[in-house]
Amino acid sequence: MKKRLSVWLAGVAVPVLLAVWVMSGKAVSVGRFISGDNGTCFVVLDNRPVQVHHIGAAGCTVGDKVLVMHQNVFAESWPEQTKGYCILRLSEGTQADIPEDVWTVLRAAGYTE
């Protein structure tokens, strides 16, 4: 019985919940995690850093591949910003997994040295 329930949850409930999430103006993205020198949380999406507010990233280290649930709206700032709801670590990564252009933007904005 428990196995059937977990198969049902994984196969039906999770995709339905994600669809409802996206239709309500939210988004789900996969990117690379960066923590700024002051603890600011960034996720690299499409080779650009996006500052993610209101999110705890315990257990994540620089370069980790993460799944982020966030608002589908980005503030027109530099770097871009959005409100986060959840972050899940998918796999380990290193600083080398972050494109150099992203580091350049973050250094110019004063988030890293």
PDB file of N, CA and C in Angstrom:
ATOM      1  N   MET A   1       0.819  -1.204   0.000  1.00  0.00           N
ATOM      2  CA  MET A   1       0.000   0.000   0.000  1.00  0.00           C
ATOM      3  C   MET A   1       0.861   1.265   0.000  1.00  0.00           C
ATOM      4  N   LYS A   2       1.928   1.274   0.842  1.00  0.00           N
ATOM      5  CA  LYS A   2       2.791   2.440   0.908  1.00  0.00           C
ATOM      6  C   LYS A   2       3.521   2.646  -0.416  1.00  0.00           C
ATOM      7  N   LYS A   3       3.907   1.536  -1.068  1.00  0.00           N
ATOM      8  CA  LYS A   3       4.619   1.661  -2.339  1.00  0.00           C
ATOM      9  C   LYS A   3       3.707   2.274  -3.400  1.00  0.00           C
ATOM     10  N   ARG A   4       2.439   1.864  -3.427  1.00  0.00           N
ATOM     11  CA  ARG A   4       1.481   2.430  -4.377  1.00  0.00           C
ATOM     12  C   ARG A   4       1.291   3.922  -4.162  1.00  0.00           C
ATOM     13  N   LEU A   5       1.223   4.313  -2.909  1.00  0.00           N
ATOM     14  CA  LEU A   5       1.039   5.718  -2.583  1.00  0.00           C
ATOM     15  C   LEU A   5       2.236   6.539  -3.045  1.00  0.00           C
ATOM     16  N   SER A   6       3.454   6.051  -2.810  1.00  0.00           N
ATOM     17  CA  SER A   6       4.626   6.822  -3.229  1.00  0.00           C
ATOM     18  C   SER A   6       4.758   6.864  -4.744  1.00  0.00           C
ATOM     19  N   VAL A   7       4.366   5.808  -5.439  1.00  0.00           N
ATOM     20  CA  VAL A   7       4.375   5.820  -6.902  1.00  0.00           C
ATOM     21  C   VAL A   7       3.341   6.819  -7.407  1.00  0.00           C
ATOM     22  N   TRP A   8       2.182   6.852  -6.782  1.00  0.00           N
ATOM     23  CA  TRP A   8       1.142   7.798  -7.172  1.00  0.00           C
ATOM     24  C   TRP A   8       1.614   9.232  -6.956  1.00  0.00           C
ATOM     25  N   LEU A   9       2.222   9.481  -5.796  1.00  0.00           N
ATOM     26  CA  LEU A   9       2.709  10.827  -5.506  1.00  0.00           C
ATOM     27  C   LEU A   9       3.759  11.270  -6.518  1.00  0.00           C
ATOM     28  N   ALA A  10       4.688  10.397  -6.816  1.00  0.00           N
ATOM     29  CA  ALA A  10       5.767  10.756  -7.745  1.00  0.00           C
ATOM     30  C   ALA A  10       5.254  10.895  -9.173  1.00  0.00           C
ATOM     31  N   GLY A  11       4.318  10.051  -9.556  1.00  0.00           N
ATOM     32  CA  GLY A  11       3.867  10.038 -10.949  1.00  0.00           C
ATOM     33  C   GLY A  11       2.718  10.967 -11.271  1.00  0.00           C
ATOM     34  N   VAL A  12       1.891  11.294 -10.295  1.00  0.00           N
ATOM     35  CA  VAL A  12       0.700  12.091 -10.569  1.00  0.00           C
ATOM     36  C   VAL A  12       0.691  13.405  -9.792  1.00  0.00           C
ATOM     37  N   ALA A  13       0.805  13.317  -8.495  1.00  0.00           N
ATOM     38  CA  ALA A  13       0.643  14.502  -7.661  1.00  0.00           C
ATOM     39  C   ALA A  13       1.734  15.549  -7.900  1.00  0.00           C
ATOM     40  N   VAL A  14       2.986  15.133  -7.989  1.00  0.00           N
ATOM     41  CA  VAL A  14       4.078  16.094  -8.151  1.00  0.00           C
ATOM     42  C   VAL A  14       3.955  16.861  -9.474  1.00  0.00           C
ATOM     43  N   PRO A  15       3.769  16.179 -10.628  1.00  0.00           N
ATOM     44  CA  PRO A  15       3.600  16.946 -11.869  1.00  0.00           C
ATOM     45  C   PRO A  15       2.385  17.880 -11.852  1.00  0.00           C
ATOM     46  N   VAL A  16       1.290  17.455 -11.253  1.00  0.00           N
ATOM     47  CA  VAL A  16       0.097  18.299 -11.178  1.00  0.00           C
ATOM     48  C   VAL A  16       0.385  19.532 -10.322  1.00  0.00           C
ATOM     49  N   LEU A  17       1.032  19.345  -9.189  1.00  0.00           N
ATOM     50  CA  LEU A  17       1.361  20.471  -8.325  1.00  0.00           C
ATOM     51  C   LEU A  17       2.319  21.444  -9.014  1.00  0.00           C
ATOM     52  N   LEU A  18       3.297  20.927  -9.758  1.00  0.00           N
ATOM     53  CA  LEU A  18       4.210  21.808 -10.486  1.00  0.00           C
ATOM     54  C   LEU A  18       3.478  22.592 -11.570  1.00  0.00           C
ATOM     55  N   ALA A  19       2.538  21.953 -12.254  1.00  0.00           N
ATOM     56  CA  ALA A  19       1.760  22.646 -13.285  1.00  0.00           C
ATOM     57  C   ALA A  19       0.931  23.773 -12.668  1.00  0.00           C
ATOM     58  N   VAL A  20       0.295  23.506 -11.542  1.00  0.00           N
ATOM     59  CA  VAL A  20      -0.488  24.534 -10.849  1.00  0.00           C
ATOM     60  C   VAL A  20       0.432  25.672 -10.406  1.00  0.00           C
ATOM     61  N   TRP A  21       1.608  25.323  -9.910  1.00  0.00           N
ATOM     62  CA  TRP A  21       2.589  26.316  -9.477  1.00  0.00           C
ATOM     63  C   TRP A  21       2.945  27.259 -10.624  1.00  0.00           C
ATOM     64  N   VAL A  22       3.272  26.703 -11.780  1.00  0.00           N
ATOM     65  CA  VAL A  22       3.681  27.504 -12.933  1.00  0.00           C
ATOM     66  C   VAL A  22       2.517  28.349 -13.452  1.00  0.00           C
ATOM     67  N   MET A  23       1.315  27.801 -13.471  1.00  0.00           N
ATOM     68  CA  MET A  23       0.152  28.546 -13.960  1.00  0.00           C
ATOM     69  C   MET A  23      -0.216  29.700 -13.026  1.00  0.00           C
ATOM     70  N   SER A  24       0.239  29.663 -11.785  1.00  0.00           N
ATOM     71  CA  SER A  24      -0.087  30.732 -10.842  1.00  0.00           C
ATOM     72  C   SER A  24       0.939  31.867 -10.876  1.00  0.00           C
ATOM     73  N   GLY A  25       1.765  31.919 -11.918  1.00  0.00           N
ATOM     74  CA  GLY A  25       2.719  33.009 -12.060  1.00  0.00           C
ATOM     75  C   GLY A  25       4.051  32.752 -11.399  1.00  0.00           C
ATOM     76  N   LYS A  26       4.303  31.520 -11.039  1.00  0.00           N
ATOM     77  CA  LYS A  26       5.572  31.148 -10.424  1.00  0.00           C
ATOM     78  C   LYS A  26       6.392  30.375 -11.451  1.00  0.00           C
ATOM     79  N   ALA A  27       7.649  30.131 -11.146  1.00  0.00           N
ATOM     80  CA  ALA A  27       8.525  29.416 -12.069  1.00  0.00           C
ATOM     81  C   ALA A  27       9.391  28.423 -11.313  1.00  0.00           C
ATOM     82  N   VAL A  28       9.864  27.444 -12.044  1.00  0.00           N
ATOM     83  CA  VAL A  28      10.815  26.461 -11.529  1.00  0.00           C
ATOM     84  C   VAL A  28      12.008  26.484 -12.476  1.00  0.00           C
ATOM     85  N   SER A  29      13.199  26.706 -11.935  1.00  0.00           N
ATOM     86  CA  SER A  29      14.405  26.804 -12.762  1.00  0.00           C
ATOM     87  C   SER A  29      15.517  25.955 -12.172  1.00  0.00           C
ATOM     88  N   VAL A  30      16.429  25.550 -13.037  1.00  0.00           N
ATOM     89  CA  VAL A  30      17.627  24.828 -12.612  1.00  0.00           C
ATOM     90  C   VAL A  30      18.831  25.693 -12.958  1.00  0.00           C
ATOM     91  N   GLY A  31      19.719  25.871 -12.001  1.00  0.00           N
ATOM     92  CA  GLY A  31      20.904  26.690 -12.227  1.00  0.00           C
ATOM     93  C   GLY A  31      22.003  26.327 -11.259  1.00  0.00           C
ATOM     94  N   ARG A  32      23.004  27.174 -11.179  1.00  0.00           N
ATOM     95  CA  ARG A  32      24.146  26.976 -10.280  1.00  0.00           C
ATOM     96  C   ARG A  32      24.082  27.989  -9.138  1.00  0.00           C
ATOM     97  N   PHE A  33      24.377  27.528  -7.949  1.00  0.00           N
ATOM     98  CA  PHE A  33      24.273  28.345  -6.740  1.00  0.00           C
ATOM     99  C   PHE A  33      25.556  29.140  -6.492  1.00  0.00           C
ATOM    100  N   ILE A  34      25.378  30.396  -6.052  1.00  0.00           N
ATOM    101  CA  ILE A  34      26.488  31.229  -5.597  1.00  0.00           C
ATOM    102  C   ILE A  34      26.043  31.963  -4.340  1.00  0.00           C
ATOM    103  N   SER A  35      26.913  32.019  -3.363  1.00  0.00           N
ATOM    104  CA  SER A  35      26.668  32.832  -2.172  1.00  0.00           C
ATOM    105  C   SER A  35      27.640  34.001  -2.216  1.00  0.00           C
ATOM    106  N   GLY A  36      27.103  35.216  -2.193  1.00  0.00           N
ATOM    107  CA  GLY A  36      27.952  36.406  -2.203  1.00  0.00           C
ATOM    108  C   GLY A  36      28.718  36.538  -0.905  1.00  0.00           C
ATOM    109  N   ASP A  37      29.699  37.438  -0.872  1.00  0.00           N
ATOM    110  CA  ASP A  37      30.525  37.635   0.321  1.00  0.00           C
ATOM    111  C   ASP A  37      29.704  38.011   1.548  1.00  0.00           C
ATOM    112  N   ASN A  38      28.565  38.669   1.343  1.00  0.00           N
ATOM    113  CA  ASN A  38      27.717  39.079   2.465  1.00  0.00           C
ATOM    114  C   ASN A  38      26.577  38.089   2.718  1.00  0.00           C
ATOM    115  N   GLY A  39      26.636  36.905   2.103  1.00  0.00           N
ATOM    116  CA  GLY A  39      25.612  35.886   2.307  1.00  0.00           C
ATOM    117  C   GLY A  39      24.447  35.973   1.346  1.00  0.00           C
ATOM    118  N   THR A  40      24.507  36.908   0.402  1.00  0.00           N
ATOM    119  CA  THR A  40      23.451  37.058  -0.591  1.00  0.00           C
ATOM    120  C   THR A  40      23.398  35.807  -1.468  1.00  0.00           C
ATOM    121  N   CYS A  41      22.193  35.340  -1.750  1.00  0.00           N
ATOM    122  CA  CYS A  41      21.994  34.128  -2.544  1.00  0.00           C
ATOM    123  C   CYS A  41      21.790  34.488  -4.016  1.00  0.00           C
ATOM    124  N   PHE A  42      22.579  33.860  -4.887  1.00  0.00           N
ATOM    125  CA  PHE A  42      22.437  34.020  -6.330  1.00  0.00           C
ATOM    126  C   PHE A  42      22.278  32.655  -6.968  1.00  0.00           C
ATOM    127  N   VAL A  43      21.549  32.626  -8.080  1.00  0.00           N
ATOM    128  CA  VAL A  43      21.471  31.432  -8.913  1.00  0.00           C
ATOM    129  C   VAL A  43      21.812  31.862 -10.330  1.00  0.00           C
ATOM    130  N   VAL A  44      22.685  31.109 -10.980  1.00  0.00           N
ATOM    131  CA  VAL A  44      23.064  31.412 -12.351  1.00  0.00           C
ATOM    132  C   VAL A  44      22.025  30.786 -13.276  1.00  0.00           C
ATOM    133  N   LEU A  45      21.273  31.643 -13.971  1.00  0.00           N
ATOM    134  CA  LEU A  45      20.260  31.211 -14.930  1.00  0.00           C
ATOM    135  C   LEU A  45      20.625  31.784 -16.293  1.00  0.00           C
ATOM    136  N   ASP A  46      20.721  30.950 -17.299  1.00  0.00           N
ATOM    137  CA  ASP A  46      21.087  31.396 -18.654  1.00  0.00           C
ATOM    138  C   ASP A  46      22.367  32.228 -18.644  1.00  0.00           C
ATOM    139  N   ASN A  47      23.371  31.769 -17.909  1.00  0.00           N
ATOM    140  CA  ASN A  47      24.678  32.434 -17.805  1.00  0.00           C
ATOM    141  C   ASN A  47      24.618  33.857 -17.268  1.00  0.00           C
ATOM    142  N   ARG A  48      23.635  34.148 -16.413  1.00  0.00           N
ATOM    143  CA  ARG A  48      23.546  35.450 -15.768  1.00  0.00           C
ATOM    144  C   ARG A  48      23.176  35.232 -14.294  1.00  0.00           C
ATOM    145  N   PRO A  49      23.772  36.036 -13.399  1.00  0.00           N
ATOM    146  CA  PRO A  49      23.439  35.868 -11.988  1.00  0.00           C
ATOM    147  C   PRO A  49      22.101  36.529 -11.657  1.00  0.00           C
ATOM    148  N   VAL A  50      21.270  35.818 -10.918  1.00  0.00           N
ATOM    149  CA  VAL A  50      19.991  36.349 -10.457  1.00  0.00           C
ATOM    150  C   VAL A  50      19.989  36.274  -8.938  1.00  0.00           C
ATOM    151  N   GLN A  51      19.817  37.424  -8.285  1.00  0.00           N
ATOM    152  CA  GLN A  51      19.747  37.453  -6.826  1.00  0.00           C
ATOM    153  C   GLN A  51      18.378  36.937  -6.409  1.00  0.00           C
ATOM    154  N   VAL A  52      18.367  35.942  -5.516  1.00  0.00           N
ATOM    155  CA  VAL A  52      17.119  35.328  -5.074  1.00  0.00           C
ATOM    156  C   VAL A  52      16.902  35.708  -3.617  1.00  0.00           C
ATOM    157  N   HIS A  53      15.820  36.474  -3.365  1.00  0.00           N
ATOM    158  CA  HIS A  53      15.498  36.946  -2.012  1.00  0.00           C
ATOM    159  C   HIS A  53      14.590  35.956  -1.289  1.00  0.00           C
ATOM    160  N   HIS A  54      14.593  36.057   0.037  1.00  0.00           N
ATOM    161  CA  HIS A  54      13.674  35.309   0.908  1.00  0.00           C
ATOM    162  C   HIS A  54      13.848  33.805   0.753  1.00  0.00           C
ATOM    163  N   ILE A  55      15.086  33.366   0.673  1.00  0.00           N
ATOM    164  CA  ILE A  55      15.316  31.930   0.487  1.00  0.00           C
ATOM    165  C   ILE A  55      16.477  31.492   1.362  1.00  0.00           C
ATOM    166  N   GLY A  56      16.299  30.362   2.004  1.00  0.00           N
ATOM    167  CA  GLY A  56      17.385  29.778   2.771  1.00  0.00           C
ATOM    168  C   GLY A  56      18.061  28.712   1.930  1.00  0.00           C
ATOM    169  N   ALA A  57      19.359  28.704   1.905  1.00  0.00           N
ATOM    170  CA  ALA A  57      20.085  27.761   1.055  1.00  0.00           C
ATOM    171  C   ALA A  57      21.034  26.913   1.885  1.00  0.00           C
ATOM    172  N   ALA A  58      20.543  26.427   3.011  1.00  0.00           N
ATOM    173  CA  ALA A  58      21.373  25.603   3.883  1.00  0.00           C
ATOM    174  C   ALA A  58      21.822  24.354   3.124  1.00  0.00           C
ATOM    175  N   GLY A  59      23.084  24.053   3.233  1.00  0.00           N
ATOM    176  CA  GLY A  59      23.617  22.858   2.588  1.00  0.00           C
ATOM    177  C   GLY A  59      24.123  23.092   1.180  1.00  0.00           C
ATOM    178  N   CYS A  60      23.886  24.275   0.619  1.00  0.00           N
ATOM    179  CA  CYS A  60      24.353  24.574  -0.733  1.00  0.00           C
ATOM    180  C   CYS A  60      25.716  25.257  -0.668  1.00  0.00           C
ATOM    181  N   THR A  61      26.590  24.881  -1.582  1.00  0.00           N
ATOM    182  CA  THR A  61      27.888  25.522  -1.693  1.00  0.00           C
ATOM    183  C   THR A  61      28.051  26.056  -3.115  1.00  0.00           C
ATOM    184  N   VAL A  62      29.018  26.934  -3.292  1.00  0.00           N
ATOM    185  CA  VAL A  62      29.223  27.581  -4.594  1.00  0.00           C
ATOM    186  C   VAL A  62      29.425  26.538  -5.688  1.00  0.00           C
ATOM    187  N   GLY A  63      28.643  26.678  -6.750  1.00  0.00           N
ATOM    188  CA  GLY A  63      28.738  25.794  -7.906  1.00  0.00           C
ATOM    189  C   GLY A  63      27.750  24.649  -7.911  1.00  0.00           C
ATOM    190  N   ASP A  64      27.087  24.392  -6.773  1.00  0.00           N
ATOM    191  CA  ASP A  64      26.115  23.297  -6.726  1.00  0.00           C
ATOM    192  C   ASP A  64      25.001  23.524  -7.739  1.00  0.00           C
ATOM    193  N   LYS A  65      24.545  22.451  -8.366  1.00  0.00           N
ATOM    194  CA  LYS A  65      23.394  22.519  -9.264  1.00  0.00           C
ATOM    195  C   LYS A  65      22.152  22.488  -8.392  1.00  0.00           C
ATOM    196  N   VAL A  66      21.263  23.489  -8.573  1.00  0.00           N
ATOM    197  CA  VAL A  66      20.081  23.609  -7.720  1.00  0.00           C
ATOM    198  C   VAL A  66      18.809  23.778  -8.548  1.00  0.00           C
ATOM    199  N   LEU A  67      17.711  23.381  -7.968  1.00  0.00           N
ATOM    200  CA  LEU A  67      16.381  23.635  -8.511  1.00  0.00           C
ATOM    201  C   LEU A  67      15.773  24.720  -7.630  1.00  0.00           C
ATOM    202  N   VAL A  68      15.283  25.783  -8.248  1.00  0.00           N
ATOM    203  CA  VAL A  68      14.755  26.920  -7.502  1.00  0.00           C
ATOM    204  C   VAL A  68      13.306  27.165  -7.910  1.00  0.00           C
ATOM    205  N   MET A  69      12.442  27.310  -6.926  1.00  0.00           N
ATOM    206  CA  MET A  69      11.062  27.719  -7.169  1.00  0.00           C
ATOM    207  C   MET A  69      11.001  29.196  -6.826  1.00  0.00           C
ATOM    208  N   HIS A  70      10.560  30.024  -7.782  1.00  0.00           N
ATOM    209  CA  HIS A  70      10.628  31.474  -7.615  1.00  0.00           C
ATOM    210  C   HIS A  70       9.506  32.157  -8.384  1.00  0.00           C
ATOM    211  N   GLN A  71       9.375  33.474  -8.155  1.00  0.00           N
ATOM    212  CA  GLN A  71       8.417  34.257  -8.932  1.00  0.00           C
ATOM    213  C   GLN A  71       8.868  34.261 -10.384  1.00  0.00           C
ATOM    214  N   ASN A  72       7.924  34.360 -11.285  1.00  0.00           N
ATOM    215  CA  ASN A  72       8.241  34.376 -12.707  1.00  0.00           C
ATOM    216  C   ASN A  72       8.577  35.790 -13.182  1.00  0.00           C
ATOM    217  N   VAL A  73       8.700  36.718 -12.248  1.00  0.00           N
ATOM    218  CA  VAL A  73       8.995  38.116 -12.570  1.00  0.00           C
ATOM    219  C   VAL A  73      10.381  38.444 -12.023  1.00  0.00           C
ATOM    220  N   PHE A  74      11.197  39.114 -12.849  1.00  0.00           N
ATOM    221  CA  PHE A  74      12.520  39.528 -12.430  1.00  0.00           C
ATOM    222  C   PHE A  74      12.574  41.052 -12.385  1.00  0.00           C
ATOM    223  N   ALA A  75      13.104  41.594 -11.298  1.00  0.00           N
ATOM    224  CA  ALA A  75      13.277  43.047 -11.193  1.00  0.00           C
ATOM    225  C   ALA A  75      14.334  43.486 -12.187  1.00  0.00           C
ATOM    226  N   GLU A  76      14.071  44.585 -12.859  1.00  0.00           N
ATOM    227  CA  GLU A  76      15.025  45.114 -13.826  1.00  0.00           C
ATOM    228  C   GLU A  76      16.108  45.873 -13.075  1.00  0.00           C
ATOM    229  N   SER A  77      16.992  45.130 -12.469  1.00  0.00           N
ATOM    230  CA  SER A  77      18.100  45.699 -11.717  1.00  0.00           C
ATOM    231  C   SER A  77      19.375  45.032 -12.220  1.00  0.00           C
ATOM    232  N   TRP A  78      20.478  45.405 -11.628  1.00  0.00           N
ATOM    233  CA  TRP A  78      21.739  44.810 -12.035  1.00  0.00           C
ATOM    234  C   TRP A  78      22.482  44.345 -10.813  1.00  0.00           C
ATOM    235  N   PRO A  79      22.642  43.053 -10.579  1.00  0.00           N
ATOM    236  CA  PRO A  79      22.051  41.956 -11.343  1.00  0.00           C
ATOM    237  C   PRO A  79      20.551  41.824 -11.082  1.00  0.00           C
ATOM    238  N   GLU A  80      19.908  41.034 -11.909  1.00  0.00           N
ATOM    239  CA  GLU A  80      18.465  40.843 -11.774  1.00  0.00           C
ATOM    240  C   GLU A  80      18.134  40.243 -10.412  1.00  0.00           C
ATOM    241  N   GLN A  81      16.878  40.437  -9.974  1.00  0.00           N
ATOM    242  CA  GLN A  81      16.433  39.931  -8.683  1.00  0.00           C
ATOM    243  C   GLN A  81      15.058  39.306  -8.818  1.00  0.00           C
ATOM    244  N   THR A  82      14.777  38.331  -7.962  1.00  0.00           N
ATOM    245  CA  THR A  82      13.455  37.724  -7.895  1.00  0.00           C
ATOM    246  C   THR A  82      13.227  37.201  -6.479  1.00  0.00           C
ATOM    247  N   LYS A  83      11.990  36.896  -6.157  1.00  0.00           N
ATOM    248  CA  LYS A  83      11.644  36.331  -4.859  1.00  0.00           C
ATOM    249  C   LYS A  83      11.666  34.816  -4.971  1.00  0.00           C
ATOM    250  N   GLY A  84      12.383  34.169  -4.066  1.00  0.00           N
ATOM    251  CA  GLY A  84      12.459  32.720  -4.053  1.00  0.00           C
ATOM    252  C   GLY A  84      11.539  32.110  -3.013  1.00  0.00           C
ATOM    253  N   TYR A  85      11.132  30.881  -3.270  1.00  0.00           N
ATOM    254  CA  TYR A  85      10.266  30.163  -2.330  1.00  0.00           C
ATOM    255  C   TYR A  85      10.923  28.902  -1.793  1.00  0.00           C
ATOM    256  N   CYS A  86      11.709  28.246  -2.646  1.00  0.00           N
ATOM    257  CA  CYS A  86      12.308  26.972  -2.254  1.00  0.00           C
ATOM    258  C   CYS A  86      13.545  26.731  -3.109  1.00  0.00           C
ATOM    259  N   ILE A  87      14.560  26.143  -2.508  1.00  0.00           N
ATOM    260  CA  ILE A  87      15.748  25.755  -3.263  1.00  0.00           C
ATOM    261  C   ILE A  87      16.130  24.337  -2.848  1.00  0.00           C
ATOM    262  N   LEU A  88      16.397  23.498  -3.842  1.00  0.00           N
ATOM    263  CA  LEU A  88      16.777  22.112  -3.594  1.00  0.00           C
ATOM    264  C   LEU A  88      18.089  21.828  -4.301  1.00  0.00           C
ATOM    265  N   ARG A  89      19.027  21.263  -3.586  1.00  0.00           N
ATOM    266  CA  ARG A  89      20.315  20.912  -4.175  1.00  0.00           C
ATOM    267  C   ARG A  89      20.163  19.619  -4.969  1.00  0.00           C
ATOM    268  N   LEU A  90      20.521  19.677  -6.256  1.00  0.00           N
ATOM    269  CA  LEU A  90      20.413  18.508  -7.124  1.00  0.00           C
ATOM    270  C   LEU A  90      21.714  17.723  -7.200  1.00  0.00           C
ATOM    271  N   SER A  91      22.838  18.431  -7.246  1.00  0.00           N
ATOM    272  CA  SER A  91      24.139  17.767  -7.292  1.00  0.00           C
ATOM    273  C   SER A  91      25.226  18.738  -6.851  1.00  0.00           C
ATOM    274  N   GLU A  92      26.379  18.177  -6.518  1.00  0.00           N
ATOM    275  CA  GLU A  92      27.498  18.999  -6.092  1.00  0.00           C
ATOM    276  C   GLU A  92      28.116  19.715  -7.284  1.00  0.00           C
ATOM    277  N   GLY A  93      28.792  20.793  -6.983  1.00  0.00           N
ATOM    278  CA  GLY A  93      29.502  21.528  -8.010  1.00  0.00           C
ATOM    279  C   GLY A  93      30.686  22.237  -7.396  1.00  0.00           C
ATOM    280  N   THR A  94      31.429  22.943  -8.230  1.00  0.00           N
ATOM    281  CA  THR A  94      32.581  23.697  -7.755  1.00  0.00           C
ATOM    282  C   THR A  94      32.523  25.098  -8.337  1.00  0.00           C
ATOM    283  N   GLN A  95      33.440  25.927  -7.882  1.00  0.00           N
ATOM    284  CA  GLN A  95      33.520  27.293  -8.377  1.00  0.00           C
ATOM    285  C   GLN A  95      33.795  27.301  -9.887  1.00  0.00           C
ATOM    286  N   ALA A  96      34.455  26.278 -10.385  1.00  0.00           N
ATOM    287  CA  ALA A  96      34.777  26.187 -11.810  1.00  0.00           C
ATOM    288  C   ALA A  96      33.528  25.990 -12.673  1.00  0.00           C
ATOM    289  N   ASP A  97      32.416  25.578 -12.068  1.00  0.00           N
ATOM    290  CA  ASP A  97      31.164  25.393 -12.810  1.00  0.00           C
ATOM    291  C   ASP A  97      30.457  26.716 -13.106  1.00  0.00           C
ATOM    292  N   ILE A  98      30.932  27.799 -12.519  1.00  0.00           N
ATOM    293  CA  ILE A  98      30.335  29.121 -12.729  1.00  0.00           C
ATOM    294  C   ILE A  98      31.093  29.822 -13.854  1.00  0.00           C
ATOM    295  N   PRO A  99      30.390  30.312 -14.886  1.00  0.00           N
ATOM    296  CA  PRO A  99      31.071  31.015 -15.979  1.00  0.00           C
ATOM    297  C   PRO A  99      31.815  32.263 -15.483  1.00  0.00           C
ATOM    298  N   GLU A 100      32.958  32.544 -16.082  1.00  0.00           N
ATOM    299  CA  GLU A 100      33.771  33.701 -15.678  1.00  0.00           C
ATOM    300  C   GLU A 100      33.005  35.012 -15.837  1.00  0.00           C
ATOM    301  N   ASP A 101      32.141  35.119 -16.863  1.00  0.00           N
ATOM    302  CA  ASP A 101      31.342  36.338 -17.056  1.00  0.00           C
ATOM    303  C   ASP A 101      30.471  36.630 -15.840  1.00  0.00           C
ATOM    304  N   VAL A 102      29.956  35.591 -15.198  1.00  0.00           N
ATOM    305  CA  VAL A 102      29.116  35.765 -14.007  1.00  0.00           C
ATOM    306  C   VAL A 102      29.946  36.341 -12.870  1.00  0.00           C
ATOM    307  N   TRP A 103      31.163  35.815 -12.681  1.00  0.00           N
ATOM    308  CA  TRP A 103      32.045  36.340 -11.626  1.00  0.00           C
ATOM    309  C   TRP A 103      32.373  37.801 -11.893  1.00  0.00           C
ATOM    310  N   THR A 104      32.573  38.156 -13.151  1.00  0.00           N
ATOM    311  CA  THR A 104      32.882  39.540 -13.516  1.00  0.00           C
ATOM    312  C   THR A 104      31.744  40.472 -13.121  1.00  0.00           C
ATOM    313  N   VAL A 105      30.510  40.062 -13.405  1.00  0.00           N
ATOM    314  CA  VAL A 105      29.334  40.874 -13.045  1.00  0.00           C
ATOM    315  C   VAL A 105      29.233  41.029 -11.530  1.00  0.00           C
ATOM    316  N   LEU A 106      29.412  39.938 -10.801  1.00  0.00           N
ATOM    317  CA  LEU A 106      29.289  39.995  -9.338  1.00  0.00           C
ATOM    318  C   LEU A 106      30.400  40.820  -8.699  1.00  0.00           C
ATOM    319  N   ARG A 107      31.613  40.739  -9.244  1.00  0.00           N
ATOM    320  CA  ARG A 107      32.705  41.575  -8.725  1.00  0.00           C
ATOM    321  C   ARG A 107      32.417  43.059  -9.001  1.00  0.00           C
ATOM    322  N   ALA A 108      31.959  43.359 -10.197  1.00  0.00           N
ATOM    323  CA  ALA A 108      31.647  44.762 -10.568  1.00  0.00           C
ATOM    324  C   ALA A 108      30.543  45.331  -9.691  1.00  0.00           C
ATOM    325  N   ALA A 109      29.594  44.485  -9.290  1.00  0.00           N
ATOM    326  CA  ALA A 109      28.482  44.948  -8.456  1.00  0.00           C
ATOM    327  C   ALA A 109      28.843  44.947  -6.970  1.00  0.00           C
ATOM    328  N   GLY A 110      30.029  44.454  -6.622  1.00  0.00           N
ATOM    329  CA  GLY A 110      30.484  44.482  -5.247  1.00  0.00           C
ATOM    330  C   GLY A 110      30.019  43.324  -4.392  1.00  0.00           C
ATOM    331  N   TYR A 111      29.530  42.244  -4.997  1.00  0.00           N
ATOM    332  CA  TYR A 111      29.053  41.103  -4.221  1.00  0.00           C
ATOM    333  C   TYR A 111      30.148  40.096  -3.908  1.00  0.00           C
ATOM    334  N   THR A 112      31.200  40.053  -4.718  1.00  0.00           N
ATOM    335  CA  THR A 112      32.327  39.161  -4.466  1.00  0.00           C
ATOM    336  C   THR A 112      33.621  39.920  -4.732  1.00  0.00           C
ATOM    337  N   GLU A 113      34.691  39.366  -4.225  1.00  0.00           N
ATOM    338  CA  GLU A 113      36.006  39.993  -4.463  1.00  0.00           C
ATOM    339  C   GLU A 113      36.810  39.175  -5.439  1.00  0.00           C
TER     340      GLU A 113
END
